[in-house]
């Protein structure tokens, strides 16, 4: 379910113009710690009704309460874990899901609204690892839909970062495109996510903000994937 959700979601995201951000326009998110529990409020800003919500946490949690304002999204996951899906009902545009969980220090690292065809709207993500996951899954989805578009976009990505990749190619003794493009055009999502993490590691950055606003310009790729 997770793979098909992302694949179909990327197809839909290719039709709209979205900008890179930690919290996308599809969400209003607020957290209210209350002792051993955190109350999380997630408001649907996609502009349309959704049929589900996918959420991943940075550690194992127990969901202690769920309330919808403007609909109902039934749980299809166990009450404890780090990944949860609430799918099969409907939440209206501007409707809100309240989730309460413990331990209170846990926080979501990835959230996506779901429509009948898959993920919809800009995902909410808070870590480099979550971004790498979206990057890998999105690249595979675009590759399966339109290889020519993917190759054209990566050509623009390399052009946007010509100086960085020239230095990297010199250190490797070969054009970086020759080693990376076979991975992009044939590897599974996990391997592509590792490629993304390798590039990030070369920059010496550790936070999501440093990736989104750092020296390496990912904007062409992120625009393709709706990130």
N, C-alpha and C. Protein backbone atom coordinates (compact mmCIF):
# COMPACT_ATOMS: atom_id res chain seq x y z
N UNK A 1 0.83 -1.20 0.00
CA UNK A 1 0.00 0.00 0.00
C UNK A 1 0.87 1.25 0.00
N UNK A 2 1.95 1.26 0.80
CA UNK A 2 2.83 2.42 0.90
C UNK A 2 3.44 2.74 -0.47
N UNK A 3 3.94 1.73 -1.21
CA UNK A 3 4.58 1.98 -2.50
C UNK A 3 3.60 2.55 -3.51
N UNK A 4 2.43 1.93 -3.64
CA UNK A 4 1.46 2.40 -4.62
C UNK A 4 0.96 3.79 -4.25
N UNK A 5 0.84 4.08 -2.97
CA UNK A 5 0.39 5.40 -2.53
C UNK A 5 1.34 6.48 -3.05
N UNK A 6 2.64 6.24 -2.88
CA UNK A 6 3.62 7.23 -3.32
C UNK A 6 3.68 7.34 -4.83
N UNK A 7 3.64 6.20 -5.54
CA UNK A 7 3.73 6.21 -7.00
C UNK A 7 2.58 7.00 -7.62
N UNK A 8 1.36 6.67 -7.22
CA UNK A 8 0.22 7.39 -7.79
C UNK A 8 0.20 8.83 -7.34
N UNK A 9 0.67 9.08 -6.11
CA UNK A 9 0.71 10.45 -5.63
C UNK A 9 1.66 11.31 -6.44
N UNK A 10 2.82 10.77 -6.82
CA UNK A 10 3.77 11.54 -7.62
C UNK A 10 3.17 11.89 -8.98
N UNK A 11 2.45 10.95 -9.60
CA UNK A 11 1.81 11.26 -10.88
C UNK A 11 0.90 12.48 -10.74
N UNK A 12 0.12 12.53 -9.66
CA UNK A 12 -0.76 13.67 -9.46
C UNK A 12 0.01 14.95 -9.19
N UNK A 13 1.10 14.84 -8.44
CA UNK A 13 1.87 16.02 -8.10
C UNK A 13 2.57 16.62 -9.31
N UNK A 14 2.80 15.84 -10.35
CA UNK A 14 3.43 16.37 -11.55
C UNK A 14 2.54 17.39 -12.26
N UNK A 15 1.26 17.43 -11.90
CA UNK A 15 0.31 18.29 -12.59
C UNK A 15 0.18 19.66 -11.95
N UNK A 16 0.83 19.86 -10.79
CA UNK A 16 0.68 21.13 -10.09
C UNK A 16 2.04 21.71 -9.76
N UNK A 17 2.09 23.02 -9.53
CA UNK A 17 3.36 23.68 -9.18
C UNK A 17 3.44 23.78 -7.68
N UNK A 18 4.49 23.16 -7.10
CA UNK A 18 4.65 23.15 -5.66
C UNK A 18 6.09 23.53 -5.33
N UNK A 19 6.32 24.15 -4.19
CA UNK A 19 7.65 24.58 -3.81
C UNK A 19 8.18 23.72 -2.68
N UNK A 20 9.53 23.68 -2.54
CA UNK A 20 10.15 22.89 -1.49
C UNK A 20 9.96 23.57 -0.14
N UNK A 21 9.46 22.80 0.83
CA UNK A 21 9.27 23.35 2.17
C UNK A 21 9.16 22.21 3.15
N UNK A 22 9.55 22.48 4.41
CA UNK A 22 9.42 21.44 5.42
C UNK A 22 7.95 21.12 5.66
N UNK A 23 7.13 22.15 5.79
CA UNK A 23 5.69 21.95 5.93
C UNK A 23 5.03 22.46 4.67
N UNK A 24 4.47 21.55 3.89
CA UNK A 24 3.88 21.96 2.63
C UNK A 24 2.54 22.62 2.81
N UNK A 25 2.03 23.20 1.74
CA UNK A 25 0.76 23.92 1.77
C UNK A 25 -0.42 22.99 2.01
N UNK A 26 -0.22 21.69 1.95
CA UNK A 26 -1.31 20.74 2.17
C UNK A 26 -1.65 20.56 3.64
N UNK A 27 -0.84 21.12 4.54
CA UNK A 27 -1.00 20.87 5.97
C UNK A 27 -0.92 22.15 6.80
N UNK A 28 -1.74 22.22 7.84
CA UNK A 28 -1.47 23.01 9.03
C UNK A 28 -1.22 22.00 10.13
N UNK A 29 -0.10 22.15 10.85
CA UNK A 29 0.29 21.18 11.87
C UNK A 29 0.57 21.91 13.17
N UNK A 30 0.07 21.38 14.28
CA UNK A 30 0.34 21.96 15.59
C UNK A 30 0.46 20.83 16.61
N UNK A 31 1.39 21.01 17.58
CA UNK A 31 1.62 20.03 18.62
C UNK A 31 1.43 20.68 19.99
N UNK A 32 0.75 19.94 20.89
CA UNK A 32 0.49 20.44 22.23
C UNK A 32 0.83 19.35 23.24
N UNK A 33 2.05 19.37 23.81
CA UNK A 33 2.41 18.39 24.84
C UNK A 33 1.51 18.54 26.06
N UNK A 34 1.07 17.41 26.60
CA UNK A 34 0.20 17.41 27.78
C UNK A 34 0.63 16.26 28.68
N UNK A 35 1.65 16.51 29.48
CA UNK A 35 2.17 15.45 30.34
C UNK A 35 2.88 14.38 29.53
N UNK A 36 2.42 13.14 29.66
CA UNK A 36 3.05 12.03 28.95
C UNK A 36 2.52 11.86 27.53
N UNK A 37 1.57 12.72 27.12
CA UNK A 37 0.93 12.61 25.81
C UNK A 37 1.13 13.92 25.04
N UNK A 38 1.25 13.81 23.72
CA UNK A 38 1.22 14.99 22.85
C UNK A 38 -0.06 14.95 22.03
N UNK A 39 -0.73 16.08 21.94
CA UNK A 39 -1.90 16.23 21.09
C UNK A 39 -1.42 16.87 19.78
N UNK A 40 -1.66 16.18 18.67
CA UNK A 40 -1.29 16.71 17.36
C UNK A 40 -2.52 17.04 16.55
N UNK A 41 -2.54 18.23 15.95
CA UNK A 41 -3.64 18.65 15.10
C UNK A 41 -3.15 18.80 13.67
N UNK A 42 -3.81 18.11 12.72
CA UNK A 42 -3.40 18.09 11.31
C UNK A 42 -4.59 18.52 10.46
N UNK A 43 -4.50 19.70 9.87
CA UNK A 43 -5.60 20.27 9.11
C UNK A 43 -5.36 20.12 7.62
N UNK A 44 -6.36 19.69 6.91
CA UNK A 44 -6.29 19.42 5.47
C UNK A 44 -6.36 20.73 4.68
N UNK A 45 -5.23 21.13 4.09
CA UNK A 45 -5.17 22.34 3.28
C UNK A 45 -4.95 22.04 1.80
N UNK A 46 -5.36 20.85 1.36
CA UNK A 46 -5.22 20.51 -0.06
C UNK A 46 -6.23 21.23 -0.92
N UNK A 47 -7.31 21.73 -0.31
CA UNK A 47 -8.38 22.36 -1.07
C UNK A 47 -9.44 21.39 -1.53
N UNK A 48 -9.30 20.12 -1.14
CA UNK A 48 -10.27 19.10 -1.54
C UNK A 48 -10.43 18.10 -0.40
N UNK A 49 -11.50 17.33 -0.45
CA UNK A 49 -11.68 16.25 0.52
C UNK A 49 -10.61 15.18 0.30
N UNK A 50 -10.19 14.54 1.38
CA UNK A 50 -9.24 13.43 1.30
C UNK A 50 -9.90 12.19 1.88
N UNK A 51 -9.33 11.03 1.52
CA UNK A 51 -9.90 9.77 2.01
C UNK A 51 -8.98 9.07 3.00
N UNK A 52 -7.84 9.69 3.34
CA UNK A 52 -6.95 9.04 4.29
C UNK A 52 -5.77 9.92 4.66
N UNK A 53 -5.03 9.45 5.69
CA UNK A 53 -3.81 10.10 6.13
C UNK A 53 -2.78 9.04 6.48
N UNK A 54 -1.55 9.23 5.96
CA UNK A 54 -0.42 8.35 6.28
C UNK A 54 0.54 9.15 7.14
N UNK A 55 1.01 8.55 8.27
CA UNK A 55 1.90 9.27 9.18
C UNK A 55 2.98 8.34 9.71
N UNK A 56 4.22 8.85 9.76
CA UNK A 56 5.36 8.10 10.28
C UNK A 56 6.03 8.93 11.38
N UNK A 57 6.39 8.27 12.49
CA UNK A 57 7.00 8.94 13.63
C UNK A 57 8.48 8.62 13.74
N UNK A 58 9.18 9.42 14.53
CA UNK A 58 10.62 9.21 14.71
C UNK A 58 10.93 8.12 15.72
N UNK A 59 9.91 7.59 16.38
CA UNK A 59 10.08 6.46 17.29
C UNK A 59 8.75 5.76 17.47
N UNK A 60 8.77 4.62 18.14
CA UNK A 60 7.55 3.88 18.41
C UNK A 60 6.62 4.69 19.32
N UNK A 61 5.34 4.72 18.96
CA UNK A 61 4.36 5.44 19.77
C UNK A 61 3.12 4.57 19.95
N UNK A 62 2.30 4.98 20.90
CA UNK A 62 0.97 4.41 21.06
C UNK A 62 -0.05 5.51 20.85
N UNK A 63 -0.97 5.29 19.91
CA UNK A 63 -2.03 6.26 19.67
C UNK A 63 -3.08 6.09 20.75
N UNK A 64 -3.30 7.14 21.54
CA UNK A 64 -4.23 7.05 22.67
C UNK A 64 -5.60 7.63 22.36
N UNK A 65 -5.70 8.44 21.30
CA UNK A 65 -6.99 9.04 20.98
C UNK A 65 -6.94 9.58 19.55
N UNK A 66 -8.08 9.55 18.86
CA UNK A 66 -8.20 10.13 17.52
C UNK A 66 -9.59 10.72 17.37
N UNK A 67 -9.62 11.99 16.93
CA UNK A 67 -10.89 12.69 16.70
C UNK A 67 -10.78 13.43 15.38
N UNK A 68 -11.82 13.30 14.54
CA UNK A 68 -11.87 14.06 13.30
C UNK A 68 -12.91 15.16 13.41
N UNK A 69 -12.59 16.32 12.89
CA UNK A 69 -13.54 17.42 12.78
C UNK A 69 -13.76 17.65 11.29
N UNK A 70 -14.92 17.22 10.80
CA UNK A 70 -15.20 17.34 9.38
C UNK A 70 -15.10 16.04 8.63
N UNK A 71 -15.28 14.92 9.33
CA UNK A 71 -15.25 13.64 8.63
C UNK A 71 -14.83 12.51 9.54
N UNK A 72 -14.40 11.41 8.91
CA UNK A 72 -13.96 10.23 9.66
C UNK A 72 -12.97 9.45 8.80
N UNK A 73 -11.79 9.14 9.36
CA UNK A 73 -10.77 8.35 8.68
C UNK A 73 -10.43 7.15 9.56
N UNK A 74 -11.00 5.98 9.26
CA UNK A 74 -10.79 4.81 10.13
C UNK A 74 -9.35 4.32 10.10
N UNK A 75 -8.91 3.82 11.24
CA UNK A 75 -7.55 3.27 11.36
C UNK A 75 -7.47 1.91 10.67
N UNK A 76 -6.39 1.69 9.94
CA UNK A 76 -6.13 0.37 9.34
C UNK A 76 -4.81 -0.18 9.85
N UNK A 77 -4.25 0.45 10.90
CA UNK A 77 -2.99 0.03 11.50
C UNK A 77 -3.22 -0.32 12.97
N UNK A 78 -2.25 -1.01 13.57
CA UNK A 78 -2.31 -1.30 14.98
C UNK A 78 -2.18 0.00 15.78
N UNK A 79 -2.56 -0.04 17.05
CA UNK A 79 -2.52 1.15 17.88
C UNK A 79 -1.14 1.57 18.32
N UNK A 80 -0.15 0.67 18.19
CA UNK A 80 1.22 0.99 18.56
C UNK A 80 2.13 0.70 17.38
N UNK A 81 3.16 1.53 17.21
CA UNK A 81 4.11 1.36 16.12
C UNK A 81 4.72 2.69 15.75
N UNK A 82 5.36 2.76 14.59
CA UNK A 82 5.93 4.03 14.13
C UNK A 82 5.30 4.49 12.82
N UNK A 83 4.50 3.63 12.17
CA UNK A 83 3.86 3.96 10.90
C UNK A 83 2.37 3.65 11.03
N UNK A 84 1.52 4.62 10.63
CA UNK A 84 0.08 4.46 10.77
C UNK A 84 -0.63 4.95 9.51
N UNK A 85 -1.72 4.26 9.16
CA UNK A 85 -2.57 4.68 8.06
C UNK A 85 -4.01 4.77 8.56
N UNK A 86 -4.68 5.84 8.17
CA UNK A 86 -6.09 6.06 8.48
C UNK A 86 -6.77 6.29 7.14
N UNK A 87 -7.42 5.25 6.63
CA UNK A 87 -7.89 5.25 5.23
C UNK A 87 -9.27 4.62 5.15
N UNK A 88 -10.09 5.15 4.23
CA UNK A 88 -11.36 4.50 3.95
C UNK A 88 -12.58 5.35 4.21
N UNK A 89 -12.39 6.51 4.81
CA UNK A 89 -13.51 7.42 5.03
C UNK A 89 -13.33 8.69 4.22
N UNK A 90 -13.64 9.83 4.84
CA UNK A 90 -13.46 11.11 4.14
C UNK A 90 -13.27 12.21 5.17
N UNK A 91 -12.37 13.13 4.85
CA UNK A 91 -12.17 14.34 5.64
C UNK A 91 -12.30 15.52 4.69
N UNK A 92 -13.18 16.45 5.00
CA UNK A 92 -13.46 17.56 4.10
C UNK A 92 -12.26 18.50 4.02
N UNK A 93 -12.24 19.34 2.99
CA UNK A 93 -11.25 20.40 2.90
C UNK A 93 -11.35 21.28 4.14
N UNK A 94 -10.19 21.58 4.74
CA UNK A 94 -10.08 22.34 5.99
C UNK A 94 -10.53 21.55 7.20
N UNK A 95 -10.84 20.25 7.03
CA UNK A 95 -11.11 19.40 8.18
C UNK A 95 -9.83 19.09 8.93
N UNK A 96 -9.96 18.67 10.18
CA UNK A 96 -8.80 18.45 11.05
C UNK A 96 -8.85 17.07 11.68
N UNK A 97 -7.68 16.42 11.75
CA UNK A 97 -7.53 15.18 12.51
C UNK A 97 -6.75 15.51 13.77
N UNK A 98 -7.30 15.14 14.92
CA UNK A 98 -6.55 15.21 16.17
C UNK A 98 -6.05 13.81 16.51
N UNK A 99 -4.74 13.67 16.67
CA UNK A 99 -4.13 12.43 17.14
C UNK A 99 -3.43 12.71 18.45
N UNK A 100 -3.66 11.88 19.44
CA UNK A 100 -2.94 11.95 20.71
C UNK A 100 -2.05 10.72 20.81
N UNK A 101 -0.79 10.92 21.24
CA UNK A 101 0.13 9.78 21.32
C UNK A 101 1.08 9.93 22.50
N UNK A 102 1.63 8.80 22.89
CA UNK A 102 2.71 8.78 23.88
C UNK A 102 3.82 7.86 23.34
N UNK A 103 5.09 8.12 23.68
CA UNK A 103 5.56 9.16 24.59
C UNK A 103 5.43 10.55 23.98
N UNK A 104 5.37 11.56 24.81
CA UNK A 104 5.07 12.91 24.35
C UNK A 104 6.18 13.50 23.50
N UNK A 105 7.43 13.02 23.67
CA UNK A 105 8.54 13.61 22.91
C UNK A 105 8.59 13.14 21.45
N UNK A 106 7.84 12.11 21.10
CA UNK A 106 7.83 11.61 19.72
C UNK A 106 7.21 12.65 18.80
N UNK A 107 7.72 12.72 17.56
CA UNK A 107 7.21 13.66 16.58
C UNK A 107 7.09 12.99 15.20
N UNK A 108 6.11 13.41 14.41
CA UNK A 108 6.00 12.89 13.04
C UNK A 108 7.20 13.35 12.20
N UNK A 109 7.69 12.45 11.35
CA UNK A 109 8.75 12.81 10.40
C UNK A 109 8.23 12.86 8.98
N UNK A 110 7.07 12.24 8.73
CA UNK A 110 6.47 12.25 7.39
C UNK A 110 4.96 12.09 7.52
N UNK A 111 4.21 12.96 6.84
CA UNK A 111 2.76 12.84 6.80
C UNK A 111 2.30 13.12 5.38
N UNK A 112 1.33 12.33 4.90
CA UNK A 112 0.75 12.53 3.58
C UNK A 112 -0.76 12.36 3.66
N UNK A 113 -1.48 13.26 3.01
CA UNK A 113 -2.91 13.05 2.78
C UNK A 113 -3.07 12.06 1.64
N UNK A 114 -4.18 11.34 1.64
CA UNK A 114 -4.42 10.30 0.65
C UNK A 114 -5.78 10.55 -0.01
N UNK A 115 -5.82 10.42 -1.33
CA UNK A 115 -7.08 10.46 -2.07
C UNK A 115 -7.38 9.06 -2.58
N UNK A 116 -8.41 8.91 -3.37
CA UNK A 116 -8.77 7.58 -3.88
C UNK A 116 -7.71 7.02 -4.82
N UNK A 117 -6.88 7.89 -5.42
CA UNK A 117 -5.84 7.42 -6.35
C UNK A 117 -4.46 7.42 -5.74
N UNK A 118 -4.30 7.94 -4.53
CA UNK A 118 -2.98 7.93 -3.90
C UNK A 118 -2.73 9.20 -3.10
N UNK A 119 -1.45 9.43 -2.76
CA UNK A 119 -1.09 10.60 -1.97
C UNK A 119 -1.42 11.88 -2.73
N UNK A 120 -1.83 12.91 -1.97
CA UNK A 120 -2.25 14.16 -2.59
C UNK A 120 -1.65 15.33 -1.82
N UNK A 121 -1.22 16.36 -2.54
CA UNK A 121 -0.67 17.55 -1.90
C UNK A 121 0.77 17.38 -1.50
N UNK A 122 1.40 18.49 -1.14
CA UNK A 122 2.80 18.46 -0.70
C UNK A 122 2.91 17.71 0.62
N UNK A 123 3.80 16.72 0.70
CA UNK A 123 3.95 16.00 1.97
C UNK A 123 4.59 16.87 3.04
N UNK A 124 4.30 16.56 4.30
CA UNK A 124 4.97 17.16 5.45
C UNK A 124 6.13 16.25 5.80
N UNK A 125 7.35 16.79 5.86
CA UNK A 125 8.50 15.98 6.24
C UNK A 125 9.46 16.84 7.05
N UNK A 126 10.15 16.22 8.01
CA UNK A 126 10.96 16.99 8.95
C UNK A 126 12.39 16.52 9.06
N UNK A 127 12.79 15.45 8.36
CA UNK A 127 14.14 14.93 8.49
C UNK A 127 14.76 14.69 7.12
N UNK A 128 16.08 14.64 7.09
CA UNK A 128 16.80 14.33 5.86
C UNK A 128 16.44 12.92 5.39
N UNK A 129 16.32 11.99 6.33
CA UNK A 129 15.98 10.61 5.97
C UNK A 129 14.61 10.53 5.30
N UNK A 130 13.63 11.27 5.83
CA UNK A 130 12.29 11.26 5.22
C UNK A 130 12.33 11.86 3.83
N UNK A 131 13.11 12.92 3.64
CA UNK A 131 13.25 13.51 2.32
C UNK A 131 13.91 12.53 1.36
N UNK A 132 14.94 11.82 1.81
CA UNK A 132 15.59 10.83 0.96
C UNK A 132 14.63 9.73 0.54
N UNK A 133 13.77 9.31 1.47
CA UNK A 133 12.76 8.29 1.16
C UNK A 133 11.82 8.79 0.07
N UNK A 134 11.31 10.02 0.22
CA UNK A 134 10.43 10.59 -0.79
C UNK A 134 11.15 10.75 -2.12
N UNK A 135 12.40 11.14 -2.07
CA UNK A 135 13.21 11.34 -3.26
C UNK A 135 13.34 10.03 -4.03
N UNK A 136 13.72 8.96 -3.33
CA UNK A 136 13.89 7.67 -4.01
C UNK A 136 12.60 7.14 -4.59
N UNK A 137 11.53 7.16 -3.82
CA UNK A 137 10.25 6.64 -4.30
C UNK A 137 9.71 7.49 -5.45
N UNK A 138 9.90 8.82 -5.35
CA UNK A 138 9.42 9.70 -6.40
C UNK A 138 10.16 9.52 -7.71
N UNK A 139 11.48 9.37 -7.63
CA UNK A 139 12.28 9.17 -8.84
C UNK A 139 11.85 7.90 -9.56
N UNK A 140 11.64 6.83 -8.81
CA UNK A 140 11.21 5.57 -9.43
C UNK A 140 9.86 5.74 -10.10
N UNK A 141 8.94 6.46 -9.45
CA UNK A 141 7.61 6.67 -10.03
C UNK A 141 7.70 7.46 -11.33
N UNK A 142 8.49 8.53 -11.35
CA UNK A 142 8.63 9.32 -12.57
C UNK A 142 9.32 8.50 -13.66
N UNK A 143 10.31 7.72 -13.27
CA UNK A 143 11.02 6.87 -14.25
C UNK A 143 10.07 5.90 -14.93
N UNK A 144 9.16 5.33 -14.18
CA UNK A 144 8.20 4.40 -14.76
C UNK A 144 7.18 5.10 -15.64
N UNK A 145 6.93 6.38 -15.36
CA UNK A 145 5.94 7.13 -16.13
C UNK A 145 6.52 7.80 -17.36
N UNK A 146 7.75 8.36 -17.24
CA UNK A 146 8.31 9.16 -18.34
C UNK A 146 9.82 9.25 -18.18
N UNK A 147 10.55 8.31 -18.76
CA UNK A 147 12.00 8.30 -18.64
C UNK A 147 12.64 9.53 -19.27
N UNK A 148 12.10 9.99 -20.39
CA UNK A 148 12.67 11.15 -21.07
C UNK A 148 12.60 12.39 -20.18
N UNK A 149 11.47 12.57 -19.50
CA UNK A 149 11.32 13.70 -18.59
C UNK A 149 12.33 13.62 -17.46
N UNK A 150 12.54 12.42 -16.93
CA UNK A 150 13.49 12.24 -15.84
C UNK A 150 14.91 12.58 -16.29
N UNK A 151 15.30 12.12 -17.47
CA UNK A 151 16.64 12.40 -17.97
C UNK A 151 16.84 13.89 -18.23
N UNK A 152 15.82 14.54 -18.78
CA UNK A 152 15.90 15.98 -19.03
C UNK A 152 16.04 16.76 -17.72
N UNK A 153 15.31 16.34 -16.71
CA UNK A 153 15.36 17.02 -15.42
C UNK A 153 16.72 16.84 -14.76
N UNK A 154 17.29 15.64 -14.85
CA UNK A 154 18.61 15.44 -14.26
C UNK A 154 19.69 16.19 -15.03
N UNK A 155 19.54 16.34 -16.34
CA UNK A 155 20.48 17.16 -17.10
C UNK A 155 20.46 18.59 -16.58
N UNK A 156 19.27 19.11 -16.27
CA UNK A 156 19.15 20.46 -15.72
C UNK A 156 19.74 20.52 -14.32
N UNK A 157 19.55 19.46 -13.52
CA UNK A 157 20.11 19.40 -12.18
C UNK A 157 21.63 19.45 -12.21
N UNK A 158 22.24 18.69 -13.11
CA UNK A 158 23.70 18.72 -13.24
C UNK A 158 24.18 20.09 -13.72
N UNK A 159 23.42 20.71 -14.61
CA UNK A 159 23.79 22.05 -15.11
C UNK A 159 23.68 23.09 -13.99
N UNK A 160 22.66 22.96 -13.15
CA UNK A 160 22.48 23.90 -12.04
C UNK A 160 23.63 23.83 -11.04
N UNK A 161 24.27 22.65 -10.96
CA UNK A 161 25.34 22.43 -9.99
C UNK A 161 26.65 22.07 -10.68
N UNK A 162 26.91 22.72 -11.80
CA UNK A 162 28.05 22.36 -12.65
C UNK A 162 29.38 22.42 -11.90
N UNK A 163 29.60 23.46 -11.12
CA UNK A 163 30.88 23.61 -10.43
C UNK A 163 31.09 22.49 -9.41
N UNK A 164 30.06 22.19 -8.63
CA UNK A 164 30.18 21.14 -7.63
C UNK A 164 30.48 19.80 -8.28
N UNK A 165 29.74 19.45 -9.34
CA UNK A 165 29.93 18.15 -9.97
C UNK A 165 31.23 18.08 -10.76
N UNK A 166 31.75 19.22 -11.24
CA UNK A 166 33.05 19.23 -11.91
C UNK A 166 34.15 18.86 -10.92
N UNK A 167 34.10 19.43 -9.73
CA UNK A 167 35.09 19.10 -8.70
C UNK A 167 34.96 17.65 -8.26
N UNK A 168 33.71 17.18 -8.11
CA UNK A 168 33.49 15.80 -7.70
C UNK A 168 33.97 14.84 -8.78
N UNK A 169 33.72 15.16 -10.04
CA UNK A 169 34.16 14.31 -11.15
C UNK A 169 35.68 14.23 -11.19
N UNK A 170 36.33 15.36 -10.92
CA UNK A 170 37.80 15.38 -10.92
C UNK A 170 38.36 14.48 -9.83
N UNK A 171 37.74 14.50 -8.66
CA UNK A 171 38.21 13.67 -7.56
C UNK A 171 37.97 12.19 -7.83
N UNK A 172 36.89 11.88 -8.58
CA UNK A 172 36.58 10.49 -8.89
C UNK A 172 37.34 9.98 -10.11
N UNK A 173 37.83 10.90 -10.93
CA UNK A 173 38.54 10.51 -12.15
C UNK A 173 37.62 10.13 -13.27
N UNK A 174 36.35 10.48 -13.18
CA UNK A 174 35.39 10.19 -14.24
C UNK A 174 34.19 11.12 -14.08
N UNK A 175 33.46 11.40 -15.16
CA UNK A 175 32.27 12.25 -15.04
C UNK A 175 31.26 11.65 -14.07
N UNK A 176 30.78 12.46 -13.13
CA UNK A 176 29.85 11.95 -12.12
C UNK A 176 28.58 11.42 -12.76
N UNK A 177 28.17 12.01 -13.89
CA UNK A 177 26.96 11.53 -14.56
C UNK A 177 27.09 10.07 -14.98
N UNK A 178 28.30 9.67 -15.37
CA UNK A 178 28.51 8.30 -15.84
C UNK A 178 28.29 7.28 -14.74
N UNK A 179 28.52 7.68 -13.49
CA UNK A 179 28.34 6.74 -12.39
C UNK A 179 26.96 6.85 -11.76
N UNK A 180 26.36 8.04 -11.81
CA UNK A 180 25.08 8.24 -11.13
C UNK A 180 23.87 7.89 -11.99
N UNK A 181 23.91 8.22 -13.28
CA UNK A 181 22.71 8.02 -14.09
C UNK A 181 22.29 6.56 -14.23
N UNK A 182 23.23 5.60 -14.32
CA UNK A 182 22.77 4.20 -14.32
C UNK A 182 21.99 3.84 -13.06
N UNK A 183 22.39 4.43 -11.91
CA UNK A 183 21.65 4.19 -10.67
C UNK A 183 20.25 4.80 -10.77
N UNK A 184 20.19 6.04 -11.23
CA UNK A 184 18.91 6.74 -11.34
C UNK A 184 17.96 6.02 -12.28
N UNK A 185 18.48 5.48 -13.37
CA UNK A 185 17.63 4.92 -14.40
C UNK A 185 17.28 3.45 -14.20
N UNK A 186 17.88 2.79 -13.18
CA UNK A 186 17.61 1.35 -13.04
C UNK A 186 17.48 0.87 -11.60
N UNK A 187 18.01 1.61 -10.64
CA UNK A 187 18.06 1.12 -9.26
C UNK A 187 16.72 1.24 -8.57
N UNK A 188 16.48 0.44 -7.53
CA UNK A 188 15.25 0.57 -6.73
C UNK A 188 15.28 1.83 -5.90
N UNK A 189 14.16 2.15 -5.31
CA UNK A 189 14.02 3.40 -4.55
C UNK A 189 15.03 3.49 -3.42
N UNK A 190 15.30 2.37 -2.74
CA UNK A 190 16.23 2.40 -1.61
C UNK A 190 17.62 2.82 -2.05
N UNK A 191 18.08 2.32 -3.20
CA UNK A 191 19.41 2.67 -3.69
C UNK A 191 19.48 4.14 -4.09
N UNK A 192 18.40 4.65 -4.68
CA UNK A 192 18.38 6.06 -5.06
C UNK A 192 18.35 6.94 -3.82
N UNK A 193 17.65 6.52 -2.79
CA UNK A 193 17.67 7.26 -1.53
C UNK A 193 19.08 7.29 -0.96
N UNK A 194 19.81 6.19 -1.10
CA UNK A 194 21.20 6.15 -0.64
C UNK A 194 22.07 7.12 -1.44
N UNK A 195 21.80 7.23 -2.75
CA UNK A 195 22.50 8.20 -3.59
C UNK A 195 22.26 9.61 -3.08
N UNK A 196 21.01 9.91 -2.77
CA UNK A 196 20.67 11.22 -2.23
C UNK A 196 21.42 11.47 -0.92
N UNK A 197 21.42 10.49 -0.03
CA UNK A 197 22.09 10.64 1.26
C UNK A 197 23.59 10.80 1.09
N UNK A 198 24.16 10.13 0.07
CA UNK A 198 25.60 10.27 -0.21
C UNK A 198 25.93 11.70 -0.63
N UNK A 199 25.12 12.26 -1.52
CA UNK A 199 25.33 13.65 -1.94
C UNK A 199 25.25 14.60 -0.75
N UNK A 200 24.23 14.37 0.09
CA UNK A 200 24.07 15.22 1.27
C UNK A 200 25.28 15.08 2.19
N UNK A 201 25.76 13.84 2.35
CA UNK A 201 26.93 13.62 3.19
C UNK A 201 28.17 14.32 2.67
N UNK A 202 28.31 14.37 1.35
CA UNK A 202 29.46 15.06 0.75
C UNK A 202 29.45 16.55 1.07
N UNK A 203 28.27 17.09 1.28
CA UNK A 203 28.15 18.51 1.61
C UNK A 203 28.43 18.78 3.09
N UNK A 204 28.44 17.72 3.89
CA UNK A 204 28.69 17.88 5.31
C UNK A 204 27.55 18.47 6.08
N UNK A 205 26.33 18.35 5.55
CA UNK A 205 25.16 18.92 6.24
C UNK A 205 24.43 17.81 7.00
N UNK A 206 23.73 18.22 8.04
CA UNK A 206 23.05 17.24 8.88
C UNK A 206 21.58 17.56 9.11
N UNK A 207 21.13 18.76 8.76
CA UNK A 207 19.75 19.14 9.02
C UNK A 207 18.99 19.33 7.71
N UNK A 208 17.68 19.21 7.80
CA UNK A 208 16.84 19.37 6.62
C UNK A 208 16.95 20.79 6.06
N UNK A 209 17.01 21.78 6.92
CA UNK A 209 17.12 23.16 6.44
C UNK A 209 18.39 23.37 5.63
N UNK A 210 19.49 22.74 6.05
CA UNK A 210 20.75 22.86 5.31
C UNK A 210 20.65 22.23 3.93
N UNK A 211 19.88 21.15 3.82
CA UNK A 211 19.69 20.51 2.52
C UNK A 211 18.85 21.40 1.61
N UNK A 212 17.74 21.91 2.14
CA UNK A 212 16.81 22.68 1.32
C UNK A 212 17.37 24.03 0.91
N UNK A 213 18.27 24.58 1.73
CA UNK A 213 18.77 25.93 1.47
C UNK A 213 20.30 25.96 1.39
N UNK A 214 20.91 24.82 1.11
CA UNK A 214 22.36 24.74 1.06
C UNK A 214 22.94 25.06 -0.30
N UNK A 215 24.22 24.70 -0.47
CA UNK A 215 24.96 25.04 -1.69
C UNK A 215 24.54 24.20 -2.89
N UNK A 216 24.10 22.97 -2.67
CA UNK A 216 23.67 22.11 -3.78
C UNK A 216 22.21 22.41 -4.09
N UNK A 217 21.93 22.77 -5.32
CA UNK A 217 20.60 23.21 -5.72
C UNK A 217 19.77 22.02 -6.20
N UNK A 218 18.82 21.57 -5.36
CA UNK A 218 17.95 20.46 -5.69
C UNK A 218 16.62 20.94 -6.28
N UNK A 219 16.45 22.22 -6.51
CA UNK A 219 15.13 22.77 -6.82
C UNK A 219 14.52 22.15 -8.07
N UNK A 220 15.32 21.86 -9.09
CA UNK A 220 14.79 21.27 -10.32
C UNK A 220 14.19 19.89 -10.05
N UNK A 221 14.90 19.08 -9.26
CA UNK A 221 14.41 17.75 -8.93
C UNK A 221 13.20 17.82 -8.01
N UNK A 222 13.26 18.69 -7.02
CA UNK A 222 12.14 18.80 -6.08
C UNK A 222 10.88 19.29 -6.79
N UNK A 223 11.04 20.19 -7.74
CA UNK A 223 9.88 20.68 -8.48
C UNK A 223 9.24 19.55 -9.27
N UNK A 224 10.05 18.68 -9.85
CA UNK A 224 9.52 17.53 -10.60
C UNK A 224 8.69 16.62 -9.69
N UNK A 225 9.15 16.46 -8.44
CA UNK A 225 8.51 15.52 -7.53
C UNK A 225 7.45 16.16 -6.65
N UNK A 226 7.24 17.46 -6.80
CA UNK A 226 6.24 18.13 -5.98
C UNK A 226 6.65 18.26 -4.53
N UNK A 227 7.96 18.37 -4.27
CA UNK A 227 8.44 18.51 -2.91
C UNK A 227 8.75 19.95 -2.55
